[in-house]
Amino acid sequence: MNIQQHNWNEAKKNLEKLLTLDPDDPFAHSTIAQVYYVLKDYKSAIKHIKIAIDNQPPQANLLFNMGMMYKENNQIQKAIKAFEKGLELEPYDRRARDVLQQLKNS
């Protein structure tokens, strides 16, 4: 395991501890979802991003992240829905629009 991998695993461990203190903390869930994404554990990333989304007002950036996690987990239809929901909130998000277009064209 390289040092960067070790650092991400350490971050994951610390965020998991934080979630024991406040299991519904949307920021902690959003952050740990990103850590799992970097570690390529897309199933865990999706689980945590869903909790983050459920525990706060809708945010386009969280839906974008969810879309990317679904995309990497090869759940294309769910990814498309996440990007479309995000674009309803932030219609000028070029990144989301570009990824959505790629998904629809593949």
PDB file of N, CA and C in Angstrom:
ATOM      1  N   MET A   1       0.858  -1.179   0.000  1.00  0.00           N
ATOM      2  CA  MET A   1       0.000   0.000   0.000  1.00  0.00           C
ATOM      3  C   MET A   1       0.900   1.237   0.000  1.00  0.00           C
ATOM      4  N   ASN A   2       0.637   2.157  -0.931  1.00  0.00           N
ATOM      5  CA  ASN A   2       1.438   3.373  -0.987  1.00  0.00           C
ATOM      6  C   ASN A   2       0.944   4.391   0.055  1.00  0.00           C
ATOM      7  N   ILE A   3       1.694   5.449   0.229  1.00  0.00           N
ATOM      8  CA  ILE A   3       1.380   6.440   1.269  1.00  0.00           C
ATOM      9  C   ILE A   3       0.041   7.127   1.005  1.00  0.00           C
ATOM     10  N   GLN A   4      -0.262   7.392  -0.259  1.00  0.00           N
ATOM     11  CA  GLN A   4      -1.524   8.044  -0.573  1.00  0.00           C
ATOM     12  C   GLN A   4      -2.696   7.128  -0.217  1.00  0.00           C
ATOM     13  N   GLN A   5      -2.592   5.862  -0.550  1.00  0.00           N
ATOM     14  CA  GLN A   5      -3.631   4.887  -0.211  1.00  0.00           C
ATOM     15  C   GLN A   5      -3.785   4.819   1.314  1.00  0.00           C
ATOM     16  N   HIS A   6      -2.669   4.816   2.015  1.00  0.00           N
ATOM     17  CA  HIS A   6      -2.713   4.794   3.479  1.00  0.00           C
ATOM     18  C   HIS A   6      -3.448   6.016   4.021  1.00  0.00           C
ATOM     19  N   ASN A   7      -3.175   7.187   3.454  1.00  0.00           N
ATOM     20  CA  ASN A   7      -3.825   8.417   3.915  1.00  0.00           C
ATOM     21  C   ASN A   7      -5.340   8.373   3.689  1.00  0.00           C
ATOM     22  N   TRP A   8      -5.774   7.852   2.537  1.00  0.00           N
ATOM     23  CA  TRP A   8      -7.209   7.743   2.274  1.00  0.00           C
ATOM     24  C   TRP A   8      -7.859   6.756   3.237  1.00  0.00           C
ATOM     25  N   ASN A   9      -7.185   5.656   3.512  1.00  0.00           N
ATOM     26  CA  ASN A   9      -7.717   4.685   4.466  1.00  0.00           C
ATOM     27  C   ASN A   9      -7.791   5.266   5.867  1.00  0.00           C
ATOM     28  N   GLU A  10      -6.823   6.066   6.219  1.00  0.00           N
ATOM     29  CA  GLU A  10      -6.834   6.743   7.527  1.00  0.00           C
ATOM     30  C   GLU A  10      -7.993   7.740   7.604  1.00  0.00           C
ATOM     31  N   ALA A  11      -8.212   8.475   6.531  1.00  0.00           N
ATOM     32  CA  ALA A  11      -9.344   9.412   6.482  1.00  0.00           C
ATOM     33  C   ALA A  11     -10.652   8.660   6.645  1.00  0.00           C
ATOM     34  N   LYS A  12     -10.778   7.531   5.964  1.00  0.00           N
ATOM     35  CA  LYS A  12     -11.988   6.707   6.057  1.00  0.00           C
ATOM     36  C   LYS A  12     -12.217   6.276   7.505  1.00  0.00           C
ATOM     37  N   LYS A  13     -11.177   5.821   8.158  1.00  0.00           N
ATOM     38  CA  LYS A  13     -11.275   5.361   9.544  1.00  0.00           C
ATOM     39  C   LYS A  13     -11.737   6.499  10.464  1.00  0.00           C
ATOM     40  N   ASN A  14     -11.176   7.680  10.280  1.00  0.00           N
ATOM     41  CA  ASN A  14     -11.552   8.831  11.106  1.00  0.00           C
ATOM     42  C   ASN A  14     -12.989   9.273  10.852  1.00  0.00           C
ATOM     43  N   LEU A  15     -13.416   9.248   9.606  1.00  0.00           N
ATOM     44  CA  LEU A  15     -14.795   9.626   9.280  1.00  0.00           C
ATOM     45  C   LEU A  15     -15.788   8.599   9.816  1.00  0.00           C
ATOM     46  N   GLU A  16     -15.416   7.342   9.789  1.00  0.00           N
ATOM     47  CA  GLU A  16     -16.285   6.311  10.365  1.00  0.00           C
ATOM     48  C   GLU A  16     -16.462   6.543  11.863  1.00  0.00           C
ATOM     49  N   LYS A  17     -15.391   6.952  12.552  1.00  0.00           N
ATOM     50  CA  LYS A  17     -15.496   7.299  13.983  1.00  0.00           C
ATOM     51  C   LYS A  17     -16.436   8.478  14.174  1.00  0.00           C
ATOM     52  N   LEU A  18     -16.301   9.483  13.335  1.00  0.00           N
ATOM     53  CA  LEU A  18     -17.158  10.660  13.418  1.00  0.00           C
ATOM     54  C   LEU A  18     -18.627  10.268  13.249  1.00  0.00           C
ATOM     55  N   LEU A  19     -18.901   9.348  12.357  1.00  0.00           N
ATOM     56  CA  LEU A  19     -20.276   8.921  12.130  1.00  0.00           C
ATOM     57  C   LEU A  19     -20.853   8.150  13.314  1.00  0.00           C
ATOM     58  N   THR A  20     -20.004   7.580  14.150  1.00  0.00           N
ATOM     59  CA  THR A  20     -20.534   6.938  15.357  1.00  0.00           C
ATOM     60  C   THR A  20     -21.059   7.987  16.330  1.00  0.00           C
ATOM     61  N   LEU A  21     -20.522   9.191  16.272  1.00  0.00           N
ATOM     62  CA  LEU A  21     -20.981  10.280  17.141  1.00  0.00           C
ATOM     63  C   LEU A  21     -22.263  10.913  16.620  1.00  0.00           C
ATOM     64  N   ASP A  22     -22.378  11.027  15.311  1.00  0.00           N
ATOM     65  CA  ASP A  22     -23.576  11.608  14.687  1.00  0.00           C
ATOM     66  C   ASP A  22     -23.858  10.848  13.397  1.00  0.00           C
ATOM     67  N   PRO A  23     -24.633   9.766  13.502  1.00  0.00           N
ATOM     68  CA  PRO A  23     -24.860   8.897  12.342  1.00  0.00           C
ATOM     69  C   PRO A  23     -25.589   9.553  11.170  1.00  0.00           C
ATOM     70  N   ASP A  24     -26.216  10.704  11.381  1.00  0.00           N
ATOM     71  CA  ASP A  24     -26.958  11.364  10.307  1.00  0.00           C
ATOM     72  C   ASP A  24     -26.253  12.589   9.749  1.00  0.00           C
ATOM     73  N   ASP A  25     -25.026  12.844  10.160  1.00  0.00           N
ATOM     74  CA  ASP A  25     -24.303  14.043   9.741  1.00  0.00           C
ATOM     75  C   ASP A  25     -24.096  14.030   8.220  1.00  0.00           C
ATOM     76  N   PRO A  26     -24.804  14.905   7.492  1.00  0.00           N
ATOM     77  CA  PRO A  26     -24.700  14.875   6.027  1.00  0.00           C
ATOM     78  C   PRO A  26     -23.305  15.223   5.517  1.00  0.00           C
ATOM     79  N   PHE A  27     -22.610  16.120   6.203  1.00  0.00           N
ATOM     80  CA  PHE A  27     -21.262  16.487   5.765  1.00  0.00           C
ATOM     81  C   PHE A  27     -20.325  15.288   5.887  1.00  0.00           C
ATOM     82  N   ALA A  28     -20.403  14.573   6.994  1.00  0.00           N
ATOM     83  CA  ALA A  28     -19.534  13.412   7.184  1.00  0.00           C
ATOM     84  C   ALA A  28     -19.858  12.333   6.148  1.00  0.00           C
ATOM     85  N   HIS A  29     -21.143  12.121   5.885  1.00  0.00           N
ATOM     86  CA  HIS A  29     -21.516  11.120   4.879  1.00  0.00           C
ATOM     87  C   HIS A  29     -21.049  11.528   3.486  1.00  0.00           C
ATOM     88  N   SER A  30     -21.194  12.792   3.163  1.00  0.00           N
ATOM     89  CA  SER A  30     -20.739  13.280   1.858  1.00  0.00           C
ATOM     90  C   SER A  30     -19.226  13.122   1.717  1.00  0.00           C
ATOM     91  N   THR A  31     -18.517  13.437   2.776  1.00  0.00           N
ATOM     92  CA  THR A  31     -17.060  13.361   2.742  1.00  0.00           C
ATOM     93  C   THR A  31     -16.577  11.918   2.657  1.00  0.00           C
ATOM     94  N   ILE A  32     -17.167  11.049   3.470  1.00  0.00           N
ATOM     95  CA  ILE A  32     -16.732   9.650   3.420  1.00  0.00           C
ATOM     96  C   ILE A  32     -17.123   9.016   2.083  1.00  0.00           C
ATOM     97  N   ALA A  33     -18.213   9.478   1.485  1.00  0.00           N
ATOM     98  CA  ALA A  33     -18.587   8.985   0.158  1.00  0.00           C
ATOM     99  C   ALA A  33     -17.475   9.303  -0.843  1.00  0.00           C
ATOM    100  N   GLN A  34     -16.909  10.494  -0.745  1.00  0.00           N
ATOM    101  CA  GLN A  34     -15.816  10.867  -1.650  1.00  0.00           C
ATOM    102  C   GLN A  34     -14.572  10.015  -1.399  1.00  0.00           C
ATOM    103  N   VAL A  35     -14.315   9.715  -0.126  1.00  0.00           N
ATOM    104  CA  VAL A  35     -13.162   8.870   0.200  1.00  0.00           C
ATOM    105  C   VAL A  35     -13.358   7.473  -0.402  1.00  0.00           C
ATOM    106  N   TYR A  36     -14.548   6.910  -0.212  1.00  0.00           N
ATOM    107  CA  TYR A  36     -14.830   5.599  -0.806  1.00  0.00           C
ATOM    108  C   TYR A  36     -14.718   5.655  -2.336  1.00  0.00           C
ATOM    109  N   TYR A  37     -15.150   6.748  -2.924  1.00  0.00           N
ATOM    110  CA  TYR A  37     -15.053   6.907  -4.377  1.00  0.00           C
ATOM    111  C   TYR A  37     -13.585   6.840  -4.823  1.00  0.00           C
ATOM    112  N   VAL A  38     -12.736   7.569  -4.132  1.00  0.00           N
ATOM    113  CA  VAL A  38     -11.307   7.567  -4.463  1.00  0.00           C
ATOM    114  C   VAL A  38     -10.715   6.166  -4.279  1.00  0.00           C
ATOM    115  N   LEU A  39     -11.200   5.452  -3.268  1.00  0.00           N
ATOM    116  CA  LEU A  39     -10.725   4.095  -3.001  1.00  0.00           C
ATOM    117  C   LEU A  39     -11.386   3.055  -3.920  1.00  0.00           C
ATOM    118  N   LYS A  40     -12.258   3.526  -4.804  1.00  0.00           N
ATOM    119  CA  LYS A  40     -12.957   2.685  -5.786  1.00  0.00           C
ATOM    120  C   LYS A  40     -13.917   1.680  -5.144  1.00  0.00           C
ATOM    121  N   ASP A  41     -14.426   2.030  -3.960  1.00  0.00           N
ATOM    122  CA  ASP A  41     -15.460   1.233  -3.302  1.00  0.00           C
ATOM    123  C   ASP A  41     -16.785   1.957  -3.580  1.00  0.00           C
ATOM    124  N   TYR A  42     -17.284   1.772  -4.802  1.00  0.00           N
ATOM    125  CA  TYR A  42     -18.432   2.544  -5.269  1.00  0.00           C
ATOM    126  C   TYR A  42     -19.721   2.179  -4.538  1.00  0.00           C
ATOM    127  N   LYS A  43     -19.869   0.938  -4.135  1.00  0.00           N
ATOM    128  CA  LYS A  43     -21.069   0.536  -3.399  1.00  0.00           C
ATOM    129  C   LYS A  43     -21.168   1.309  -2.077  1.00  0.00           C
ATOM    130  N   SER A  44     -20.075   1.392  -1.347  1.00  0.00           N
ATOM    131  CA  SER A  44     -20.067   2.148  -0.087  1.00  0.00           C
ATOM    132  C   SER A  44     -20.224   3.644  -0.348  1.00  0.00           C
ATOM    133  N   ALA A  45     -19.596   4.122  -1.414  1.00  0.00           N
ATOM    134  CA  ALA A  45     -19.716   5.544  -1.756  1.00  0.00           C
ATOM    135  C   ALA A  45     -21.173   5.903  -2.009  1.00  0.00           C
ATOM    136  N   ILE A  46     -21.868   5.067  -2.773  1.00  0.00           N
ATOM    137  CA  ILE A  46     -23.276   5.319  -3.090  1.00  0.00           C
ATOM    138  C   ILE A  46     -24.123   5.294  -1.823  1.00  0.00           C
ATOM    139  N   LYS A  47     -23.860   4.329  -0.962  1.00  0.00           N
ATOM    140  CA  LYS A  47     -24.614   4.229   0.302  1.00  0.00           C
ATOM    141  C   LYS A  47     -24.512   5.534   1.095  1.00  0.00           C
ATOM    142  N   HIS A  48     -23.313   6.064   1.214  1.00  0.00           N
ATOM    143  CA  HIS A  48     -23.103   7.271   2.017  1.00  0.00           C
ATOM    144  C   HIS A  48     -23.606   8.537   1.323  1.00  0.00           C
ATOM    145  N   ILE A  49     -23.465   8.624   0.013  1.00  0.00           N
ATOM    146  CA  ILE A  49     -23.962   9.828  -0.665  1.00  0.00           C
ATOM    147  C   ILE A  49     -25.485   9.877  -0.597  1.00  0.00           C
ATOM    148  N   LYS A  50     -26.133   8.715  -0.627  1.00  0.00           N
ATOM    149  CA  LYS A  50     -27.594   8.681  -0.481  1.00  0.00           C
ATOM    150  C   LYS A  50     -28.013   9.224   0.881  1.00  0.00           C
ATOM    151  N   ILE A  51     -27.305   8.837   1.921  1.00  0.00           N
ATOM    152  CA  ILE A  51     -27.617   9.327   3.266  1.00  0.00           C
ATOM    153  C   ILE A  51     -27.396  10.832   3.335  1.00  0.00           C
ATOM    154  N   ALA A  52     -26.307  11.305   2.749  1.00  0.00           N
ATOM    155  CA  ALA A  52     -26.025  12.750   2.745  1.00  0.00           C
ATOM    156  C   ALA A  52     -27.148  13.503   2.043  1.00  0.00           C
ATOM    157  N   ILE A  53     -27.605  12.985   0.917  1.00  0.00           N
ATOM    158  CA  ILE A  53     -28.667  13.644   0.146  1.00  0.00           C
ATOM    159  C   ILE A  53     -29.981  13.619   0.919  1.00  0.00           C
ATOM    160  N   ASP A  54     -30.270  12.512   1.583  1.00  0.00           N
ATOM    161  CA  ASP A  54     -31.521  12.385   2.332  1.00  0.00           C
ATOM    162  C   ASP A  54     -31.586  13.278   3.567  1.00  0.00           C
ATOM    163  N   ASN A  55     -30.430  13.697   4.087  1.00  0.00           N
ATOM    164  CA  ASN A  55     -30.395  14.445   5.340  1.00  0.00           C
ATOM    165  C   ASN A  55     -30.123  15.935   5.198  1.00  0.00           C
ATOM    166  N   GLN A  56     -30.351  16.474   4.014  1.00  0.00           N
ATOM    167  CA  GLN A  56     -30.194  17.917   3.822  1.00  0.00           C
ATOM    168  C   GLN A  56     -30.973  18.353   2.589  1.00  0.00           C
ATOM    169  N   PRO A  57     -31.151  19.646   2.430  1.00  0.00           N
ATOM    170  CA  PRO A  57     -31.846  20.122   1.223  1.00  0.00           C
ATOM    171  C   PRO A  57     -31.095  19.686  -0.034  1.00  0.00           C
ATOM    172  N   PRO A  58     -31.829  19.480  -1.133  1.00  0.00           N
ATOM    173  CA  PRO A  58     -31.185  19.033  -2.377  1.00  0.00           C
ATOM    174  C   PRO A  58     -30.066  19.971  -2.822  1.00  0.00           C
ATOM    175  N   GLN A  59     -28.966  19.371  -3.267  1.00  0.00           N
ATOM    176  CA  GLN A  59     -27.819  20.135  -3.754  1.00  0.00           C
ATOM    177  C   GLN A  59     -27.325  19.500  -5.046  1.00  0.00           C
ATOM    178  N   ALA A  60     -27.134  20.326  -6.045  1.00  0.00           N
ATOM    179  CA  ALA A  60     -26.696  19.831  -7.349  1.00  0.00           C
ATOM    180  C   ALA A  60     -25.352  19.121  -7.270  1.00  0.00           C
ATOM    181  N   ASN A  61     -24.435  19.628  -6.456  1.00  0.00           N
ATOM    182  CA  ASN A  61     -23.108  19.005  -6.394  1.00  0.00           C
ATOM    183  C   ASN A  61     -23.170  17.599  -5.801  1.00  0.00           C
ATOM    184  N   LEU A  62     -24.063  17.365  -4.843  1.00  0.00           N
ATOM    185  CA  LEU A  62     -24.202  16.021  -4.289  1.00  0.00           C
ATOM    186  C   LEU A  62     -24.809  15.070  -5.319  1.00  0.00           C
ATOM    187  N   LEU A  63     -25.755  15.573  -6.085  1.00  0.00           N
ATOM    188  CA  LEU A  63     -26.351  14.750  -7.140  1.00  0.00           C
ATOM    189  C   LEU A  63     -25.336  14.451  -8.244  1.00  0.00           C
ATOM    190  N   PHE A  64     -24.466  15.422  -8.533  1.00  0.00           N
ATOM    191  CA  PHE A  64     -23.388  15.179  -9.496  1.00  0.00           C
ATOM    192  C   PHE A  64     -22.487  14.059  -8.980  1.00  0.00           C
ATOM    193  N   ASN A  65     -22.100  14.158  -7.705  1.00  0.00           N
ATOM    194  CA  ASN A  65     -21.242  13.126  -7.121  1.00  0.00           C
ATOM    195  C   ASN A  65     -21.919  11.761  -7.167  1.00  0.00           C
ATOM    196  N   MET A  66     -23.214  11.728  -6.843  1.00  0.00           N
ATOM    197  CA  MET A  66     -23.947  10.477  -6.894  1.00  0.00           C
ATOM    198  C   MET A  66     -23.948   9.919  -8.327  1.00  0.00           C
ATOM    199  N   GLY A  67     -24.163  10.794  -9.291  1.00  0.00           N
ATOM    200  CA  GLY A  67     -24.142  10.367 -10.682  1.00  0.00           C
ATOM    201  C   GLY A  67     -22.807   9.750 -11.070  1.00  0.00           C
ATOM    202  N   MET A  68     -21.729  10.352 -10.629  1.00  0.00           N
ATOM    203  CA  MET A  68     -20.401   9.821 -10.942  1.00  0.00           C
ATOM    204  C   MET A  68     -20.188   8.462 -10.264  1.00  0.00           C
ATOM    205  N   MET A  69     -20.689   8.336  -9.050  1.00  0.00           N
ATOM    206  CA  MET A  69     -20.542   7.059  -8.338  1.00  0.00           C
ATOM    207  C   MET A  69     -21.337   5.957  -9.035  1.00  0.00           C
ATOM    208  N   TYR A  70     -22.554   6.289  -9.441  1.00  0.00           N
ATOM    209  CA  TYR A  70     -23.344   5.317 -10.200  1.00  0.00           C
ATOM    210  C   TYR A  70     -22.652   4.979 -11.519  1.00  0.00           C
ATOM    211  N   LYS A  71     -22.135   5.985 -12.182  1.00  0.00           N
ATOM    212  CA  LYS A  71     -21.448   5.764 -13.469  1.00  0.00           C
ATOM    213  C   LYS A  71     -20.286   4.796 -13.291  1.00  0.00           C
ATOM    214  N   GLU A  72     -19.466   5.025 -12.286  1.00  0.00           N
ATOM    215  CA  GLU A  72     -18.305   4.166 -12.053  1.00  0.00           C
ATOM    216  C   GLU A  72     -18.724   2.765 -11.620  1.00  0.00           C
ATOM    217  N   ASN A  73     -19.904   2.647 -11.033  1.00  0.00           N
ATOM    218  CA  ASN A  73     -20.420   1.342 -10.610  1.00  0.00           C
ATOM    219  C   ASN A  73     -21.230   0.686 -11.733  1.00  0.00           C
ATOM    220  N   ASN A  74     -21.188   1.284 -12.908  1.00  0.00           N
ATOM    221  CA  ASN A  74     -21.860   0.777 -14.104  1.00  0.00           C
ATOM    222  C   ASN A  74     -23.382   0.693 -13.935  1.00  0.00           C
ATOM    223  N   GLN A  75     -23.948   1.633 -13.185  1.00  0.00           N
ATOM    224  CA  GLN A  75     -25.391   1.749 -13.036  1.00  0.00           C
ATOM    225  C   GLN A  75     -25.824   2.989 -13.828  1.00  0.00           C
ATOM    226  N   ILE A  76     -25.802   2.844 -15.128  1.00  0.00           N
ATOM    227  CA  ILE A  76     -25.930   3.974 -16.044  1.00  0.00           C
ATOM    228  C   ILE A  76     -27.285   4.674 -15.925  1.00  0.00           C
ATOM    229  N   GLN A  77     -28.372   3.937 -15.854  1.00  0.00           N
ATOM    230  CA  GLN A  77     -29.691   4.573 -15.763  1.00  0.00           C
ATOM    231  C   GLN A  77     -29.826   5.385 -14.475  1.00  0.00           C
ATOM    232  N   LYS A  78     -29.307   4.859 -13.373  1.00  0.00           N
ATOM    233  CA  LYS A  78     -29.344   5.611 -12.112  1.00  0.00           C
ATOM    234  C   LYS A  78     -28.449   6.842 -12.201  1.00  0.00           C
ATOM    235  N   ALA A  79     -27.322   6.718 -12.884  1.00  0.00           N
ATOM    236  CA  ALA A  79     -26.429   7.862 -13.071  1.00  0.00           C
ATOM    237  C   ALA A  79     -27.142   8.954 -13.864  1.00  0.00           C
ATOM    238  N   ILE A  80     -27.814   8.558 -14.938  1.00  0.00           N
ATOM    239  CA  ILE A  80     -28.538   9.530 -15.768  1.00  0.00           C
ATOM    240  C   ILE A  80     -29.582  10.260 -14.939  1.00  0.00           C
ATOM    241  N   LYS A  81     -30.343   9.529 -14.130  1.00  0.00           N
ATOM    242  CA  LYS A  81     -31.369  10.161 -13.286  1.00  0.00           C
ATOM    243  C   LYS A  81     -30.756  11.140 -12.295  1.00  0.00           C
ATOM    244  N   ALA A  82     -29.618  10.766 -11.699  1.00  0.00           N
ATOM    245  CA  ALA A  82     -28.959  11.664 -10.740  1.00  0.00           C
ATOM    246  C   ALA A  82     -28.502  12.950 -11.427  1.00  0.00           C
ATOM    247  N   PHE A  83     -27.892  12.826 -12.610  1.00  0.00           N
ATOM    248  CA  PHE A  83     -27.451  14.021 -13.335  1.00  0.00           C
ATOM    249  C   PHE A  83     -28.645  14.887 -13.743  1.00  0.00           C
ATOM    250  N   GLU A  84     -29.719  14.262 -14.183  1.00  0.00           N
ATOM    251  CA  GLU A  84     -30.902  15.029 -14.576  1.00  0.00           C
ATOM    252  C   GLU A  84     -31.499  15.781 -13.384  1.00  0.00           C
ATOM    253  N   LYS A  85     -31.567  15.131 -12.216  1.00  0.00           N
ATOM    254  CA  LYS A  85     -32.077  15.812 -11.016  1.00  0.00           C
ATOM    255  C   LYS A  85     -31.176  16.982 -10.632  1.00  0.00           C
ATOM    256  N   GLY A  86     -29.865  16.766 -10.734  1.00  0.00           N
ATOM    257  CA  GLY A  86     -28.924  17.837 -10.426  1.00  0.00           C
ATOM    258  C   GLY A  86     -29.070  19.013 -11.375  1.00  0.00           C
ATOM    259  N   LEU A  87     -29.316  18.717 -12.635  1.00  0.00           N
ATOM    260  CA  LEU A  87     -29.480  19.780 -13.624  1.00  0.00           C
ATOM    261  C   LEU A  87     -30.794  20.541 -13.440  1.00  0.00           C
ATOM    262  N   GLU A  88     -31.777  19.918 -12.819  1.00  0.00           N
ATOM    263  CA  GLU A  88     -32.992  20.652 -12.477  1.00  0.00           C
ATOM    264  C   GLU A  88     -32.684  21.748 -11.461  1.00  0.00           C
ATOM    265  N   LEU A  89     -31.746  21.473 -10.563  1.00  0.00           N
ATOM    266  CA  LEU A  89     -31.360  22.450  -9.538  1.00  0.00           C
ATOM    267  C   LEU A  89     -30.346  23.467 -10.056  1.00  0.00           C
ATOM    268  N   GLU A  90     -29.481  23.007 -10.926  1.00  0.00           N
ATOM    269  CA  GLU A  90     -28.391  23.849 -11.459  1.00  0.00           C
ATOM    270  C   GLU A  90     -28.297  23.621 -12.960  1.00  0.00           C
ATOM    271  N   PRO A  91     -29.207  24.233 -13.730  1.00  0.00           N
ATOM    272  CA  PRO A  91     -29.302  23.931 -15.163  1.00  0.00           C
ATOM    273  C   PRO A  91     -28.080  24.310 -15.997  1.00  0.00           C
ATOM    274  N   TYR A  92     -27.212  25.141 -15.472  1.00  0.00           N
ATOM    275  CA  TYR A  92     -26.051  25.576 -16.258  1.00  0.00           C
ATOM    276  C   TYR A  92     -24.767  24.861 -15.867  1.00  0.00           C
ATOM    277  N   ASP A  93     -24.879  23.753 -15.127  1.00  0.00           N
ATOM    278  CA  ASP A  93     -23.705  22.981 -14.719  1.00  0.00           C
ATOM    279  C   ASP A  93     -23.142  22.246 -15.931  1.00  0.00           C
ATOM    280  N   ARG A  94     -22.088  22.779 -16.479  1.00  0.00           N
ATOM    281  CA  ARG A  94     -21.497  22.266 -17.714  1.00  0.00           C
ATOM    282  C   ARG A  94     -20.953  20.851 -17.534  1.00  0.00           C
ATOM    283  N   ARG A  95     -20.325  20.602 -16.368  1.00  0.00           N
ATOM    284  CA  ARG A  95     -19.775  19.266 -16.111  1.00  0.00           C
ATOM    285  C   ARG A  95     -20.878  18.212 -16.151  1.00  0.00           C
ATOM    286  N   ALA A  96     -21.956  18.477 -15.419  1.00  0.00           N
ATOM    287  CA  ALA A  96     -23.065  17.520 -15.361  1.00  0.00           C
ATOM    288  C   ALA A  96     -23.677  17.323 -16.741  1.00  0.00           C
ATOM    289  N   ARG A  97     -23.851  18.408 -17.451  1.00  0.00           N
ATOM    290  CA  ARG A  97     -24.433  18.331 -18.789  1.00  0.00           C
ATOM    291  C   ARG A  97     -23.550  17.494 -19.726  1.00  0.00           C
ATOM    292  N   ASP A  98     -22.234  17.695 -19.643  1.00  0.00           N
ATOM    293  CA  ASP A  98     -21.305  16.950 -20.501  1.00  0.00           C
ATOM    294  C   ASP A  98     -21.299  15.453 -20.177  1.00  0.00           C
ATOM    295  N   VAL A  99     -21.260  15.117 -18.890  1.00  0.00           N
ATOM    296  CA  VAL A  99     -21.255  13.700 -18.512  1.00  0.00           C
ATOM    297  C   VAL A  99     -22.579  13.060 -18.886  1.00  0.00           C
ATOM    298  N   LEU A 100     -23.672  13.768 -18.658  1.00  0.00           N
ATOM    299  CA  LEU A 100     -24.998  13.249 -19.012  1.00  0.00           C
ATOM    300  C   LEU A 100     -25.068  12.979 -20.517  1.00  0.00           C
ATOM    301  N   GLN A 101     -24.573  13.873 -21.299  1.00  0.00           N
ATOM    302  CA  GLN A 101     -24.565  13.692 -22.756  1.00  0.00           C
ATOM    303  C   GLN A 101     -23.760  12.467 -23.150  1.00  0.00           C
ATOM    304  N   GLN A 102     -22.593  12.300 -22.528  1.00  0.00           N
ATOM    305  CA  GLN A 102     -21.760  11.127 -22.818  1.00  0.00           C
ATOM    306  C   GLN A 102     -22.496   9.839 -22.481  1.00  0.00           C
ATOM    307  N   LEU A 103     -23.168   9.819 -21.335  1.00  0.00           N
ATOM    308  CA  LEU A 103     -23.905   8.622 -20.924  1.00  0.00           C
ATOM    309  C   LEU A 103     -25.038   8.301 -21.877  1.00  0.00           C
ATOM    310  N   LYS A 104     -25.743   9.322 -22.303  1.00  0.00           N
ATOM    311  CA  LYS A 104     -26.864   9.105 -23.207  1.00  0.00           C
ATOM    312  C   LYS A 104     -26.412   8.678 -24.598  1.00  0.00           C
ATOM    313  N   ASN A 105     -25.197   9.069 -24.986  1.00  0.00           N
ATOM    314  CA  ASN A 105     -24.688   8.733 -26.318  1.00  0.00           C
ATOM    315  C   ASN A 105     -23.950   7.394 -26.356  1.00  0.00           C
ATOM    316  N   SER A 106     -23.736   6.786 -25.200  1.00  0.00           N
ATOM    317  CA  SER A 106     -22.968   5.527 -25.206  1.00  0.00           C
ATOM    318  C   SER A 106     -23.853   4.304 -25.218  1.00  0.00           C
TER     319      SER A 106
END
